[in-house]
Amino acid sequence: MTPANKKCTFCGSMNTEKQSDFGTSIMVTPHFCLDCKSAFEWIKWGESDSHLDLPEYLKESNSKKN
């Protein structure tokens, strides 16, 4: 897994690829899940997003990197 990999917002898989640095706006990056074949955008929150109302599986991945 590279630092660009993000957890899929549809299935929770880490088997994802970043498609480019910018998506539909400057604050998101487009990604593609290789497991469920879904495209999703990841919002660039910065280093600390623990105060956000994220789904539990995303909170778990963020707590492991801190």
N, C-alpha and C. Protein backbone atom coordinates (compact mmCIF):
# COMPACT_ATOMS: atom_id res chain seq x y z
N MET A 1 0.84 -1.19 0.00
CA MET A 1 0.00 0.00 0.00
C MET A 1 0.88 1.24 0.00
N THR A 2 0.55 2.19 -0.84
CA THR A 2 1.28 3.45 -0.88
C THR A 2 0.51 4.49 -0.07
N PRO A 3 1.16 5.58 0.30
CA PRO A 3 0.44 6.62 1.05
C PRO A 3 -0.77 7.18 0.33
N ALA A 4 -0.83 7.03 -1.00
CA ALA A 4 -1.96 7.55 -1.77
C ALA A 4 -3.20 6.68 -1.63
N ASN A 5 -3.04 5.42 -1.18
CA ASN A 5 -4.19 4.53 -1.04
C ASN A 5 -5.12 5.03 0.06
N LYS A 6 -6.40 5.08 -0.25
CA LYS A 6 -7.42 5.45 0.72
C LYS A 6 -8.43 4.33 0.80
N LYS A 7 -9.12 4.25 1.92
CA LYS A 7 -10.12 3.21 2.11
C LYS A 7 -11.35 3.53 1.27
N CYS A 8 -11.82 2.53 0.52
CA CYS A 8 -12.99 2.71 -0.34
C CYS A 8 -14.20 3.10 0.50
N THR A 9 -14.90 4.11 0.07
CA THR A 9 -16.07 4.58 0.80
C THR A 9 -17.29 3.69 0.57
N PHE A 10 -17.20 2.75 -0.37
CA PHE A 10 -18.30 1.84 -0.65
C PHE A 10 -18.13 0.49 0.05
N CYS A 11 -16.94 -0.12 -0.06
CA CYS A 11 -16.76 -1.47 0.49
C CYS A 11 -15.73 -1.53 1.62
N GLY A 12 -14.97 -0.46 1.86
CA GLY A 12 -13.98 -0.45 2.94
C GLY A 12 -12.64 -1.03 2.57
N SER A 13 -12.44 -1.46 1.34
CA SER A 13 -11.18 -2.05 0.90
C SER A 13 -10.08 -1.00 0.82
N MET A 14 -8.84 -1.43 1.08
CA MET A 14 -7.68 -0.56 0.90
C MET A 14 -7.03 -0.79 -0.46
N ASN A 15 -7.60 -1.68 -1.27
CA ASN A 15 -7.07 -1.99 -2.60
C ASN A 15 -7.57 -0.94 -3.58
N THR A 16 -7.04 0.28 -3.45
CA THR A 16 -7.49 1.42 -4.24
C THR A 16 -6.31 2.09 -4.91
N GLU A 17 -6.61 2.87 -5.92
CA GLU A 17 -5.59 3.65 -6.62
C GLU A 17 -6.04 5.10 -6.72
N LYS A 18 -5.10 6.01 -6.52
CA LYS A 18 -5.39 7.42 -6.74
C LYS A 18 -5.32 7.69 -8.23
N GLN A 19 -6.34 8.33 -8.78
CA GLN A 19 -6.42 8.58 -10.21
C GLN A 19 -5.69 9.86 -10.63
N SER A 20 -5.76 10.89 -9.80
CA SER A 20 -5.05 12.15 -10.08
C SER A 20 -5.01 12.99 -8.81
N ASP A 21 -4.33 14.11 -8.88
CA ASP A 21 -4.20 14.96 -7.70
C ASP A 21 -5.44 15.81 -7.42
N PHE A 22 -6.25 16.06 -8.46
CA PHE A 22 -7.43 16.90 -8.28
C PHE A 22 -8.63 16.26 -8.97
N GLY A 23 -9.81 16.40 -8.36
CA GLY A 23 -11.04 15.85 -8.91
C GLY A 23 -11.97 16.93 -9.38
N THR A 24 -13.24 16.83 -8.97
CA THR A 24 -14.25 17.81 -9.40
C THR A 24 -14.03 19.17 -8.77
N SER A 25 -13.21 19.22 -7.73
CA SER A 25 -12.79 20.50 -7.15
C SER A 25 -11.37 20.35 -6.64
N ILE A 26 -10.76 21.43 -6.27
CA ILE A 26 -9.37 21.42 -5.83
C ILE A 26 -9.19 20.70 -4.48
N MET A 27 -10.29 20.53 -3.74
CA MET A 27 -10.18 19.93 -2.41
C MET A 27 -10.39 18.42 -2.37
N VAL A 28 -10.55 17.76 -3.52
CA VAL A 28 -10.75 16.31 -3.54
C VAL A 28 -9.76 15.64 -4.49
N THR A 29 -9.49 14.36 -4.22
CA THR A 29 -8.70 13.53 -5.13
C THR A 29 -9.55 12.34 -5.56
N PRO A 30 -9.60 12.05 -6.86
CA PRO A 30 -10.37 10.90 -7.32
C PRO A 30 -9.59 9.60 -7.12
N HIS A 31 -10.29 8.57 -6.65
CA HIS A 31 -9.70 7.25 -6.42
C HIS A 31 -10.60 6.20 -7.06
N PHE A 32 -10.04 5.00 -7.27
CA PHE A 32 -10.79 3.89 -7.83
C PHE A 32 -10.52 2.64 -7.01
N CYS A 33 -11.58 1.93 -6.62
CA CYS A 33 -11.46 0.70 -5.84
C CYS A 33 -11.31 -0.47 -6.81
N LEU A 34 -10.23 -1.22 -6.65
CA LEU A 34 -9.97 -2.37 -7.51
C LEU A 34 -10.78 -3.59 -7.11
N ASP A 35 -11.37 -3.58 -5.90
CA ASP A 35 -12.19 -4.71 -5.46
C ASP A 35 -13.64 -4.58 -5.91
N CYS A 36 -14.30 -3.47 -5.58
CA CYS A 36 -15.72 -3.32 -5.95
C CYS A 36 -15.92 -2.51 -7.23
N LYS A 37 -14.80 -2.07 -7.82
CA LYS A 37 -14.83 -1.34 -9.11
C LYS A 37 -15.62 -0.04 -9.04
N SER A 38 -15.54 0.64 -7.90
CA SER A 38 -16.24 1.91 -7.72
C SER A 38 -15.26 3.08 -7.75
N ALA A 39 -15.69 4.16 -8.34
CA ALA A 39 -14.92 5.41 -8.30
C ALA A 39 -15.44 6.23 -7.14
N PHE A 40 -14.54 6.89 -6.41
CA PHE A 40 -14.95 7.75 -5.30
C PHE A 40 -13.95 8.89 -5.17
N GLU A 41 -14.39 9.96 -4.53
CA GLU A 41 -13.51 11.10 -4.28
C GLU A 41 -13.18 11.16 -2.80
N TRP A 42 -11.94 11.48 -2.51
CA TRP A 42 -11.48 11.61 -1.13
C TRP A 42 -11.22 13.08 -0.86
N ILE A 43 -11.84 13.62 0.17
CA ILE A 43 -11.66 15.03 0.51
C ILE A 43 -10.34 15.20 1.24
N LYS A 44 -9.58 16.19 0.85
CA LYS A 44 -8.28 16.48 1.47
C LYS A 44 -8.52 17.24 2.77
N TRP A 45 -8.57 16.51 3.88
CA TRP A 45 -8.86 17.14 5.17
C TRP A 45 -7.61 17.72 5.82
N GLY A 46 -6.46 17.26 5.47
CA GLY A 46 -5.24 17.67 6.15
C GLY A 46 -4.76 16.55 7.05
N GLU A 47 -3.88 16.86 7.96
CA GLU A 47 -3.27 15.84 8.81
C GLU A 47 -4.20 15.29 9.87
N SER A 48 -5.03 16.12 10.46
CA SER A 48 -5.88 15.66 11.55
C SER A 48 -7.35 15.78 11.18
N ASP A 49 -8.03 14.63 11.05
CA ASP A 49 -9.46 14.66 10.77
C ASP A 49 -10.23 13.90 11.83
N SER A 50 -9.66 13.78 13.03
CA SER A 50 -10.31 13.03 14.11
C SER A 50 -11.58 13.71 14.61
N HIS A 51 -11.73 15.01 14.40
CA HIS A 51 -12.91 15.74 14.85
C HIS A 51 -14.09 15.64 13.89
N LEU A 52 -13.89 15.00 12.73
CA LEU A 52 -14.94 14.91 11.73
C LEU A 52 -15.89 13.75 12.01
N ASP A 53 -17.10 13.85 11.51
CA ASP A 53 -18.10 12.81 11.67
C ASP A 53 -17.95 11.78 10.55
N LEU A 54 -16.92 10.92 10.67
CA LEU A 54 -16.62 9.92 9.67
C LEU A 54 -17.24 8.58 10.03
N PRO A 55 -17.49 7.70 9.04
CA PRO A 55 -17.95 6.34 9.35
C PRO A 55 -16.90 5.62 10.21
N GLU A 56 -17.33 4.64 11.00
CA GLU A 56 -16.45 3.96 11.93
C GLU A 56 -15.23 3.33 11.25
N TYR A 57 -15.42 2.72 10.07
CA TYR A 57 -14.27 2.06 9.43
C TYR A 57 -13.23 3.08 8.96
N LEU A 58 -13.62 4.30 8.70
CA LEU A 58 -12.65 5.33 8.34
C LEU A 58 -11.95 5.87 9.58
N LYS A 59 -12.67 5.96 10.70
CA LYS A 59 -12.05 6.39 11.96
C LYS A 59 -10.97 5.41 12.38
N GLU A 60 -11.23 4.11 12.20
CA GLU A 60 -10.26 3.09 12.59
C GLU A 60 -8.96 3.21 11.81
N SER A 61 -9.06 3.46 10.52
CA SER A 61 -7.85 3.58 9.71
C SER A 61 -7.07 4.84 10.08
N ASN A 62 -7.76 5.91 10.45
CA ASN A 62 -7.08 7.14 10.84
C ASN A 62 -6.38 6.99 12.19
N SER A 63 -6.97 6.25 13.12
CA SER A 63 -6.35 6.09 14.42
C SER A 63 -5.10 5.22 14.34
N LYS A 64 -5.02 4.32 13.36
CA LYS A 64 -3.85 3.46 13.20
C LYS A 64 -2.65 4.23 12.67
N LYS A 65 -2.87 5.30 11.89
CA LYS A 65 -1.75 6.05 11.34
C LYS A 65 -1.19 7.09 12.31
N ASN A 66 -1.92 7.39 13.39
CA ASN A 66 -1.45 8.39 14.36
C ASN A 66 -0.60 7.77 15.42
